Protein backbone atom coordinates (compact mmCIF):
# COMPACT_ATOMS: atom_id res chain seq x y z
CA MET A 1 0.00 0.00 0.00
CA VAL A 2 1.12 3.52 -0.70
CA GLU A 3 1.12 5.93 2.21
CA GLY A 4 -1.61 8.49 1.73
CA SER A 5 -3.72 6.17 -0.40
CA SER A 6 -7.24 5.36 0.76
CA ALA A 7 -6.26 1.70 1.25
CA TYR A 8 -3.44 2.75 3.59
CA LEU A 9 -5.61 5.15 5.55
CA SER A 10 -8.44 2.66 5.98
CA THR A 11 -6.18 0.37 8.05
CA VAL A 12 -6.05 2.91 10.89
CA ASP A 13 -8.69 2.33 13.55
CA LYS A 14 -9.45 5.83 14.82
CA THR A 15 -11.54 4.60 17.75
CA GLN A 16 -8.83 2.21 18.94
CA THR A 17 -6.16 4.89 18.52
CA GLU A 18 -8.18 7.37 20.60
CA ALA A 19 -8.81 4.71 23.27
CA ASN A 20 -5.09 3.93 23.42
CA ILE A 21 -4.17 7.60 23.84
CA GLU A 22 -6.87 8.11 26.48
CA ALA A 23 -5.72 5.06 28.44
CA LYS A 24 -2.09 6.18 28.51
CA TRP A 25 -2.44 9.97 28.60
CA ASP A 26 -1.83 10.67 32.31
CA ASP A 27 0.45 7.80 33.28
CA TRP A 28 2.57 7.65 30.14
CA TYR A 29 2.41 10.73 27.91
CA VAL A 30 2.15 13.43 30.59
CA LYS A 31 4.52 11.65 32.98
CA GLY A 32 7.08 11.06 30.23
CA LEU A 33 6.98 14.64 29.01
CA SER A 34 7.19 15.94 32.59
CA ASP A 35 10.21 13.74 33.31
CA PHE A 36 11.85 14.87 30.08
CA ILE A 37 11.46 18.61 30.70
CA ARG A 38 12.78 18.26 34.28
CA VAL A 39 16.23 17.42 32.90
CA PRO A 40 18.09 20.73 32.55
CA ASN A 41 19.19 19.98 28.99
CA LEU A 42 19.28 23.51 27.68
CA SER A 43 21.66 24.81 25.05
CA PRO A 44 25.13 26.33 24.81
CA ASN A 45 23.52 29.75 25.28
CA TYR A 46 22.65 28.86 28.89
CA ASP A 47 25.07 26.07 29.80
CA ALA A 48 28.74 26.17 28.84
CA GLU A 49 28.97 22.42 29.58
CA PHE A 50 26.00 21.59 27.33
CA LEU A 51 27.91 19.11 25.16
CA THR A 52 29.88 17.46 27.98
CA ASN A 53 27.67 17.43 31.11
CA GLY A 54 25.79 14.23 30.17
CA LYS A 55 22.35 15.85 30.07
CA ILE A 56 21.84 15.10 26.38
CA GLU A 57 22.56 11.44 27.07
CA GLU A 58 20.26 11.51 30.11
CA CYS A 59 17.40 12.80 27.95
CA MET A 60 18.12 10.24 25.24
CA GLU A 61 18.06 7.40 27.79
CA LEU A 62 14.84 8.71 29.31
CA VAL A 63 13.12 8.82 25.90
CA ASP A 64 14.46 5.38 25.01
CA ASN A 65 13.14 3.92 28.28
CA TYR A 66 9.67 5.39 27.70
CA ILE A 67 9.51 4.11 24.13
CA ASN A 68 10.53 0.63 25.26
CA MET A 69 7.73 0.63 27.88
CA LEU A 70 5.14 0.49 25.12
């Protein structure tokens, strides 16, 4: 199937997708985003040690752990 074709789009179950998001919204999506933004992974404009302080890696590991929880 070609992405964007009606055959491709008809395989998506909107009701099931909405139910999945609703079931995981508070305990997965909101919690994950909250955990992610708590890590002070800013930019070189605010943190001279941005590339060496391990915060980028901490955020990457956090995202990886959340994805693997699915």
